[in-house]
């Protein structure tokens, strides 16, 4: 008898062409499903809480699949990690309700973006961080990021995943903080458009460098069908850190 399993997944997105399956390309879903087949999974497709772009990382992606597994969740976690590559890890595995859907039942998604201000490259960090120079003013960026909070039309800052889809999204948290030499952006919302987080970060960095006015985010939100935001922060600085559910 099949049970539905909910898995918290972590991955280094550097060598993946995104999370979603694509024929002939290396993706998180493709590698995961190949691994699951080796341990007796007979399904057609694993469900994901959300898509991540090529190069984007995750510490808290959530997936679900049905499987006849007569052992413990801990043993399934070990089995998954034994048959998947080193840049994917099942962090937690648990049985869940048979109708659980990681995407449609998610209340919010929490992303994190990391920046370092430095004129000199750092090979030990730059796989997971955006090195920015000239230096950015984190206080300006933090103040500007508050303009994102609330329900807005983000059409100027991203595109729907499906043609004609809604571009209305609700943001509950948007804040920058300094952690050592790093600047860390915390962004949480009910859902996100394609490239939305990376467009937002690019705008905020330009604000922090004095290139864009402090109210530039508001200008995009007040006129969503006007000029689209230019620039895209690199994927490597972005990570999906948590997906929240009712329970």
C-alpha atoms as a PDB file:
ATOM      1  CA  UNK A   1       0.000   0.000   0.000  1.00  0.00           C
ATOM      2  CA  UNK A   2       1.374   3.392  -0.978  1.00  0.00           C
ATOM      3  CA  UNK A   3       2.019   6.132   1.557  1.00  0.00           C
ATOM      4  CA  UNK A   4       2.653   9.755   0.682  1.00  0.00           C
ATOM      5  CA  UNK A   5       6.018  11.029   1.848  1.00  0.00           C
ATOM      6  CA  UNK A   6       6.973  14.650   2.452  1.00  0.00           C
ATOM      7  CA  UNK A   7      10.680  15.390   2.089  1.00  0.00           C
ATOM      8  CA  UNK A   8      12.682  18.503   2.913  1.00  0.00           C
ATOM      9  CA  UNK A   9      15.298  18.728   0.197  1.00  0.00           C
ATOM     10  CA  UNK A  10      18.574  20.626   0.126  1.00  0.00           C
ATOM     11  CA  UNK A  11      20.678  21.103  -2.990  1.00  0.00           C
ATOM     12  CA  UNK A  12      23.552  23.056  -4.446  1.00  0.00           C
ATOM     13  CA  UNK A  13      22.056  24.495  -7.624  1.00  0.00           C
ATOM     14  CA  UNK A  14      25.358  25.293  -9.333  1.00  0.00           C
ATOM     15  CA  UNK A  15      25.414  22.292 -11.665  1.00  0.00           C
ATOM     16  CA  UNK A  16      21.647  22.034 -12.197  1.00  0.00           C
ATOM     17  CA  UNK A  17      19.522  23.541 -14.958  1.00  0.00           C
ATOM     18  CA  UNK A  18      16.882  24.332 -12.362  1.00  0.00           C
ATOM     19  CA  UNK A  19      14.678  22.145 -10.221  1.00  0.00           C
ATOM     20  CA  UNK A  20      12.045  21.201 -12.794  1.00  0.00           C
ATOM     21  CA  UNK A  21      12.536  18.202 -15.098  1.00  0.00           C
ATOM     22  CA  UNK A  22      13.865  19.010 -18.575  1.00  0.00           C
ATOM     23  CA  UNK A  23      14.761  16.307 -21.117  1.00  0.00           C
ATOM     24  CA  UNK A  24      18.487  16.034 -21.846  1.00  0.00           C
ATOM     25  CA  UNK A  25      19.409  18.491 -19.073  1.00  0.00           C
ATOM     26  CA  UNK A  26      20.572  17.825 -15.517  1.00  0.00           C
ATOM     27  CA  UNK A  27      17.842  18.949 -13.094  1.00  0.00           C
ATOM     28  CA  UNK A  28      17.063  18.308  -9.440  1.00  0.00           C
ATOM     29  CA  UNK A  29      13.813  16.539 -10.304  1.00  0.00           C
ATOM     30  CA  UNK A  30      15.485  14.381 -12.931  1.00  0.00           C
ATOM     31  CA  UNK A  31      18.284  13.219 -10.628  1.00  0.00           C
ATOM     32  CA  UNK A  32      15.885  12.641  -7.747  1.00  0.00           C
ATOM     33  CA  UNK A  33      13.440  10.583  -9.780  1.00  0.00           C
ATOM     34  CA  UNK A  34      16.243   8.457 -11.234  1.00  0.00           C
ATOM     35  CA  UNK A  35      17.408   7.746  -7.695  1.00  0.00           C
ATOM     36  CA  UNK A  36      13.918   6.910  -6.392  1.00  0.00           C
ATOM     37  CA  UNK A  37      13.395   4.394  -9.194  1.00  0.00           C
ATOM     38  CA  UNK A  38      16.404   2.480  -7.867  1.00  0.00           C
ATOM     39  CA  UNK A  39      14.726   1.967  -4.480  1.00  0.00           C
ATOM     40  CA  UNK A  40      11.336   0.834  -5.740  1.00  0.00           C
ATOM     41  CA  UNK A  41       9.423   4.041  -6.483  1.00  0.00           C
ATOM     42  CA  UNK A  42       6.929   3.434  -9.299  1.00  0.00           C
ATOM     43  CA  UNK A  43       5.429   6.897  -9.699  1.00  0.00           C
ATOM     44  CA  UNK A  44       5.511   9.156 -12.742  1.00  0.00           C
ATOM     45  CA  UNK A  45       6.441  12.505 -11.232  1.00  0.00           C
ATOM     46  CA  UNK A  46       7.590  13.932  -7.891  1.00  0.00           C
ATOM     47  CA  UNK A  47       5.672  16.999  -6.675  1.00  0.00           C
ATOM     48  CA  UNK A  48       7.673  20.136  -5.807  1.00  0.00           C
ATOM     49  CA  UNK A  49       6.698  23.114  -3.637  1.00  0.00           C
ATOM     50  CA  UNK A  50       8.101  25.482  -6.238  1.00  0.00           C
ATOM     51  CA  UNK A  51      10.501  25.889  -9.124  1.00  0.00           C
ATOM     52  CA  UNK A  52      14.009  27.213  -8.724  1.00  0.00           C
ATOM     53  CA  UNK A  53      16.007  28.614 -11.639  1.00  0.00           C
ATOM     54  CA  UNK A  54      19.262  27.220 -12.959  1.00  0.00           C
ATOM     55  CA  UNK A  55      21.974  27.926 -10.397  1.00  0.00           C
ATOM     56  CA  UNK A  56      19.599  28.692  -7.501  1.00  0.00           C
ATOM     57  CA  UNK A  57      20.164  26.727  -4.295  1.00  0.00           C
ATOM     58  CA  UNK A  58      17.796  25.337  -1.689  1.00  0.00           C
ATOM     59  CA  UNK A  59      18.002  24.450   1.977  1.00  0.00           C
ATOM     60  CA  UNK A  60      14.263  23.954   2.421  1.00  0.00           C
ATOM     61  CA  UNK A  61      12.670  22.814  -0.836  1.00  0.00           C
ATOM     62  CA  UNK A  62       9.719  20.497  -0.135  1.00  0.00           C
ATOM     63  CA  UNK A  63       8.721  17.568  -2.320  1.00  0.00           C
ATOM     64  CA  UNK A  64       6.166  14.776  -2.077  1.00  0.00           C
ATOM     65  CA  UNK A  65       5.701  11.370  -3.691  1.00  0.00           C
ATOM     66  CA  UNK A  66       3.758   8.148  -3.172  1.00  0.00           C
ATOM     67  CA  UNK A  67       5.588   4.925  -2.460  1.00  0.00           C
ATOM     68  CA  UNK A  68       5.112   1.483  -0.954  1.00  0.00           C
ATOM     69  CA  UNK A  69       7.814   1.557   1.740  1.00  0.00           C
ATOM     70  CA  UNK A  70       7.686  -0.959   4.552  1.00  0.00           C
ATOM     71  CA  UNK A  71      10.434   0.606   6.654  1.00  0.00           C
ATOM     72  CA  UNK A  72      10.931   3.730   8.747  1.00  0.00           C
ATOM     73  CA  UNK A  73      11.148   7.282   7.474  1.00  0.00           C
ATOM     74  CA  UNK A  74      14.761   7.416   8.665  1.00  0.00           C
ATOM     75  CA  UNK A  75      15.605   4.381   6.535  1.00  0.00           C
ATOM     76  CA  UNK A  76      13.950   6.013   3.526  1.00  0.00           C
ATOM     77  CA  UNK A  77      16.004   9.167   4.115  1.00  0.00           C
ATOM     78  CA  UNK A  78      19.203   7.092   4.133  1.00  0.00           C
ATOM     79  CA  UNK A  79      18.092   5.222   0.997  1.00  0.00           C
ATOM     80  CA  UNK A  80      17.357   8.458  -0.896  1.00  0.00           C
ATOM     81  CA  UNK A  81      20.730   9.919   0.064  1.00  0.00           C
ATOM     82  CA  UNK A  82      22.452   6.711  -1.044  1.00  0.00           C
ATOM     83  CA  UNK A  83      21.003   6.864  -4.574  1.00  0.00           C
ATOM     84  CA  UNK A  84      21.186  10.606  -5.274  1.00  0.00           C
ATOM     85  CA  UNK A  85      24.291  12.672  -6.162  1.00  0.00           C
ATOM     86  CA  UNK A  86      26.360  14.596  -3.641  1.00  0.00           C
ATOM     87  CA  UNK A  87      24.766  17.956  -4.479  1.00  0.00           C
ATOM     88  CA  UNK A  88      21.295  16.772  -3.332  1.00  0.00           C
ATOM     89  CA  UNK A  89      20.328  15.776   0.213  1.00  0.00           C
ATOM     90  CA  UNK A  90      17.109  14.583   1.835  1.00  0.00           C
ATOM     91  CA  UNK A  91      17.229  16.527   5.118  1.00  0.00           C
ATOM     92  CA  UNK A  92      13.986  15.186   6.598  1.00  0.00           C
ATOM     93  CA  UNK A  93      11.485  12.524   5.513  1.00  0.00           C
ATOM     94  CA  UNK A  94       8.045  11.936   6.990  1.00  0.00           C
ATOM     95  CA  UNK A  95       4.777  10.251   6.107  1.00  0.00           C
ATOM     96  CA  UNK A  96       2.000  12.737   5.480  1.00  0.00           C
ATOM     97  CA  UNK A  97      -1.647  12.918   4.415  1.00  0.00           C
ATOM     98  CA  UNK A  98      -2.333  11.188   1.121  1.00  0.00           C
ATOM     99  CA  UNK A  99      -3.758  14.403  -0.387  1.00  0.00           C
ATOM    100  CA  UNK A 100      -0.824  16.620   0.684  1.00  0.00           C
ATOM    101  CA  UNK A 101       0.449  18.816  -2.163  1.00  0.00           C
ATOM    102  CA  UNK A 102       3.654  20.761  -1.447  1.00  0.00           C
ATOM    103  CA  UNK A 103       2.859  23.524  -3.927  1.00  0.00           C
ATOM    104  CA  UNK A 104      -0.871  24.150  -3.526  1.00  0.00           C
ATOM    105  CA  UNK A 105      -0.940  23.827   0.263  1.00  0.00           C
ATOM    106  CA  UNK A 106       2.068  26.056   0.937  1.00  0.00           C
ATOM    107  CA  UNK A 107       1.248  29.168   2.972  1.00  0.00           C
ATOM    108  CA  UNK A 108       4.504  30.969   2.191  1.00  0.00           C
ATOM    109  CA  UNK A 109       7.962  30.614   0.726  1.00  0.00           C
ATOM    110  CA  UNK A 110      11.037  32.143   2.331  1.00  0.00           C
ATOM    111  CA  UNK A 111      14.022  33.068   0.153  1.00  0.00           C
ATOM    112  CA  UNK A 112      17.420  34.373   1.150  1.00  0.00           C
ATOM    113  CA  UNK A 113      19.873  36.296  -0.988  1.00  0.00           C
ATOM    114  CA  UNK A 114      23.517  36.875   0.000  1.00  0.00           C
ATOM    115  CA  UNK A 115      25.854  39.638  -1.133  1.00  0.00           C
ATOM    116  CA  UNK A 116      29.412  40.551  -0.268  1.00  0.00           C
ATOM    117  CA  UNK A 117      30.855  44.008  -0.953  1.00  0.00           C
ATOM    118  CA  UNK A 118      34.394  43.534  -2.207  1.00  0.00           C
ATOM    119  CA  UNK A 119      36.514  44.732  -5.145  1.00  0.00           C
ATOM    120  CA  UNK A 120      38.414  41.422  -5.093  1.00  0.00           C
ATOM    121  CA  UNK A 121      36.971  38.014  -5.921  1.00  0.00           C
ATOM    122  CA  UNK A 122      36.830  35.315  -3.259  1.00  0.00           C
ATOM    123  CA  UNK A 123      36.877  31.810  -4.791  1.00  0.00           C
ATOM    124  CA  UNK A 124      35.820  30.221  -1.485  1.00  0.00           C
ATOM    125  CA  UNK A 125      32.545  32.165  -1.296  1.00  0.00           C
ATOM    126  CA  UNK A 126      31.472  33.107  -4.780  1.00  0.00           C
ATOM    127  CA  UNK A 127      29.691  29.847  -5.554  1.00  0.00           C
ATOM    128  CA  UNK A 128      26.957  30.944  -3.128  1.00  0.00           C
ATOM    129  CA  UNK A 129      27.132  34.733  -3.041  1.00  0.00           C
ATOM    130  CA  UNK A 130      27.042  37.793  -5.304  1.00  0.00           C
ATOM    131  CA  UNK A 131      30.151  39.934  -5.012  1.00  0.00           C
ATOM    132  CA  UNK A 132      29.143  43.557  -5.563  1.00  0.00           C
ATOM    133  CA  UNK A 133      31.328  46.628  -6.044  1.00  0.00           C
ATOM    134  CA  UNK A 134      31.099  49.639  -5.617  1.00  0.00           C
ATOM    135  CA  UNK A 135      29.902  49.119  -2.065  1.00  0.00           C
ATOM    136  CA  UNK A 136      26.182  49.206  -1.288  1.00  0.00           C
ATOM    137  CA  UNK A 137      24.486  50.985   1.620  1.00  0.00           C
ATOM    138  CA  UNK A 138      22.632  48.238   3.497  1.00  0.00           C
ATOM    139  CA  UNK A 139      20.503  50.769   5.398  1.00  0.00           C
ATOM    140  CA  UNK A 140      19.221  52.291   2.151  1.00  0.00           C
ATOM    141  CA  UNK A 141      18.504  48.821   0.787  1.00  0.00           C
ATOM    142  CA  UNK A 142      16.676  47.770   3.935  1.00  0.00           C
ATOM    143  CA  UNK A 143      14.523  50.889   3.972  1.00  0.00           C
ATOM    144  CA  UNK A 144      13.666  50.493   0.268  1.00  0.00           C
ATOM    145  CA  UNK A 145      12.814  46.793   0.707  1.00  0.00           C
ATOM    146  CA  UNK A 146       9.941  47.689   3.056  1.00  0.00           C
ATOM    147  CA  UNK A 147       8.091  49.079   0.048  1.00  0.00           C
ATOM    148  CA  UNK A 148       7.587  45.454  -1.034  1.00  0.00           C
ATOM    149  CA  UNK A 149       5.520  44.454   2.002  1.00  0.00           C
ATOM    150  CA  UNK A 150       1.815  43.940   1.340  1.00  0.00           C
ATOM    151  CA  UNK A 151      -0.233  42.791  -1.643  1.00  0.00           C
ATOM    152  CA  UNK A 152       0.881  44.275  -4.961  1.00  0.00           C
ATOM    153  CA  UNK A 153       0.947  43.683  -8.684  1.00  0.00           C
ATOM    154  CA  UNK A 154       4.556  42.653  -9.377  1.00  0.00           C
ATOM    155  CA  UNK A 155       4.244  42.526 -13.190  1.00  0.00           C
ATOM    156  CA  UNK A 156       7.146  44.991 -13.601  1.00  0.00           C
ATOM    157  CA  UNK A 157       9.377  42.771 -11.449  1.00  0.00           C
ATOM    158  CA  UNK A 158       8.651  39.292 -12.789  1.00  0.00           C
ATOM    159  CA  UNK A 159       6.559  37.141 -15.093  1.00  0.00           C
ATOM    160  CA  UNK A 160       3.898  34.511 -14.298  1.00  0.00           C
ATOM    161  CA  UNK A 161       4.990  30.899 -14.739  1.00  0.00           C
ATOM    162  CA  UNK A 162       1.981  30.300 -16.995  1.00  0.00           C
ATOM    163  CA  UNK A 163       0.909  32.696 -19.801  1.00  0.00           C
ATOM    164  CA  UNK A 164      -1.909  34.916 -18.592  1.00  0.00           C
ATOM    165  CA  UNK A 165      -1.347  33.996 -14.936  1.00  0.00           C
ATOM    166  CA  UNK A 166      -1.894  36.455 -12.117  1.00  0.00           C
ATOM    167  CA  UNK A 167       0.967  38.766 -11.175  1.00  0.00           C
ATOM    168  CA  UNK A 168      -0.546  39.690  -7.792  1.00  0.00           C
ATOM    169  CA  UNK A 169       1.562  38.485  -4.862  1.00  0.00           C
ATOM    170  CA  UNK A 170       1.631  39.130  -1.116  1.00  0.00           C
ATOM    171  CA  UNK A 171       4.943  39.818   0.637  1.00  0.00           C
ATOM    172  CA  UNK A 172       5.029  39.415   4.424  1.00  0.00           C
ATOM    173  CA  UNK A 173       8.727  39.972   5.096  1.00  0.00           C
ATOM    174  CA  UNK A 174      11.433  41.938   3.305  1.00  0.00           C
ATOM    175  CA  UNK A 175      14.562  43.012   5.179  1.00  0.00           C
ATOM    176  CA  UNK A 176      18.332  43.297   4.803  1.00  0.00           C
ATOM    177  CA  UNK A 177      20.806  42.624   7.586  1.00  0.00           C
ATOM    178  CA  UNK A 178      24.562  42.641   7.846  1.00  0.00           C
ATOM    179  CA  UNK A 179      26.198  39.416   8.971  1.00  0.00           C
ATOM    180  CA  UNK A 180      29.961  39.806   9.216  1.00  0.00           C
ATOM    181  CA  UNK A 181      31.128  40.809   5.754  1.00  0.00           C
ATOM    182  CA  UNK A 182      27.898  39.558   4.138  1.00  0.00           C
ATOM    183  CA  UNK A 183      24.629  41.353   3.427  1.00  0.00           C
ATOM    184  CA  UNK A 184      21.662  38.983   3.751  1.00  0.00           C
ATOM    185  CA  UNK A 185      18.230  39.676   2.272  1.00  0.00           C
ATOM    186  CA  UNK A 186      15.242  37.845   3.777  1.00  0.00           C
ATOM    187  CA  UNK A 187      12.149  37.759   1.556  1.00  0.00           C
ATOM    188  CA  UNK A 188       8.961  35.855   2.347  1.00  0.00           C
ATOM    189  CA  UNK A 189       5.707  35.768   0.418  1.00  0.00           C
ATOM    190  CA  UNK A 190       2.794  33.576  -0.525  1.00  0.00           C
ATOM    191  CA  UNK A 191       4.319  32.922  -3.963  1.00  0.00           C
ATOM    192  CA  UNK A 192       6.781  34.435  -6.437  1.00  0.00           C
ATOM    193  CA  UNK A 193       6.848  35.216 -10.139  1.00  0.00           C
ATOM    194  CA  UNK A 194       9.541  33.982 -12.518  1.00  0.00           C
ATOM    195  CA  UNK A 195      12.782  35.900 -11.774  1.00  0.00           C
ATOM    196  CA  UNK A 196      10.929  38.109  -9.266  1.00  0.00           C
ATOM    197  CA  UNK A 197      13.402  37.790  -6.388  1.00  0.00           C
ATOM    198  CA  UNK A 198      16.423  38.333  -8.624  1.00  0.00           C
ATOM    199  CA  UNK A 199      14.874  41.423 -10.257  1.00  0.00           C
ATOM    200  CA  UNK A 200      14.058  42.840  -6.809  1.00  0.00           C
ATOM    201  CA  UNK A 201      17.604  42.259  -5.551  1.00  0.00           C
ATOM    202  CA  UNK A 202      19.084  43.922  -8.646  1.00  0.00           C
ATOM    203  CA  UNK A 203      16.925  47.017  -8.097  1.00  0.00           C
ATOM    204  CA  UNK A 204      17.771  47.173  -4.390  1.00  0.00           C
ATOM    205  CA  UNK A 205      21.499  46.896  -5.116  1.00  0.00           C
ATOM    206  CA  UNK A 206      21.268  49.826  -7.545  1.00  0.00           C
ATOM    207  CA  UNK A 207      19.431  51.791  -4.841  1.00  0.00           C
ATOM    208  CA  UNK A 208      22.158  50.871  -2.368  1.00  0.00           C
ATOM    209  CA  UNK A 209      24.796  52.139  -4.796  1.00  0.00           C
ATOM    210  CA  UNK A 210      22.937  55.415  -5.384  1.00  0.00           C
ATOM    211  CA  UNK A 211      22.191  54.572  -9.036  1.00  0.00           C
ATOM    212  CA  UNK A 212      18.408  54.358  -8.574  1.00  0.00           C
ATOM    213  CA  UNK A 213      16.206  56.639  -6.399  1.00  0.00           C
ATOM    214  CA  UNK A 214      15.114  55.386  -2.967  1.00  0.00           C
ATOM    215  CA  UNK A 215      11.490  54.984  -4.096  1.00  0.00           C
ATOM    216  CA  UNK A 216      12.233  52.963  -7.243  1.00  0.00           C
ATOM    217  CA  UNK A 217      10.438  49.855  -5.919  1.00  0.00           C
ATOM    218  CA  UNK A 218       7.276  51.913  -5.358  1.00  0.00           C
ATOM    219  CA  UNK A 219       7.512  53.250  -8.907  1.00  0.00           C
ATOM    220  CA  UNK A 220       7.475  49.695 -10.282  1.00  0.00           C
ATOM    221  CA  UNK A 221       4.591  48.686  -8.002  1.00  0.00           C
ATOM    222  CA  UNK A 222       2.547  51.803  -8.780  1.00  0.00           C
ATOM    223  CA  UNK A 223       2.911  51.268 -12.528  1.00  0.00           C
ATOM    224  CA  UNK A 224       3.169  47.480 -13.028  1.00  0.00           C
ATOM    225  CA  UNK A 225       2.360  47.607 -16.746  1.00  0.00           C
ATOM    226  CA  UNK A 226       4.917  50.351 -17.415  1.00  0.00           C
ATOM    227  CA  UNK A 227       8.661  49.868 -17.689  1.00  0.00           C
ATOM    228  CA  UNK A 228       9.937  46.434 -16.672  1.00  0.00           C
ATOM    229  CA  UNK A 229      12.795  46.294 -14.180  1.00  0.00           C
ATOM    230  CA  UNK A 230      16.178  45.913 -15.813  1.00  0.00           C
ATOM    231  CA  UNK A 231      18.974  43.716 -14.526  1.00  0.00           C
ATOM    232  CA  UNK A 232      18.935  40.348 -12.864  1.00  0.00           C
ATOM    233  CA  UNK A 233      20.930  39.421  -9.765  1.00  0.00           C
ATOM    234  CA  UNK A 234      23.007  36.246 -10.324  1.00  0.00           C
ATOM    235  CA  UNK A 235      21.290  32.973  -9.429  1.00  0.00           C
ATOM    236  CA  UNK A 236      24.173  31.823  -7.213  1.00  0.00           C
ATOM    237  CA  UNK A 237      23.307  34.233  -4.371  1.00  0.00           C
ATOM    238  CA  UNK A 238      19.735  32.947  -4.038  1.00  0.00           C
ATOM    239  CA  UNK A 239      18.451  30.085  -1.896  1.00  0.00           C
ATOM    240  CA  UNK A 240      14.989  28.782  -1.040  1.00  0.00           C
ATOM    241  CA  UNK A 241      15.342  28.328   2.723  1.00  0.00           C
ATOM    242  CA  UNK A 242      11.863  27.347   3.906  1.00  0.00           C
ATOM    243  CA  UNK A 243       8.337  26.528   2.740  1.00  0.00           C
ATOM    244  CA  UNK A 244       5.662  26.933   5.426  1.00  0.00           C
ATOM    245  CA  UNK A 245       2.489  24.895   5.863  1.00  0.00           C
ATOM    246  CA  UNK A 246      -0.524  24.962   8.157  1.00  0.00           C
ATOM    247  CA  UNK A 247       0.802  22.288  10.505  1.00  0.00           C
END
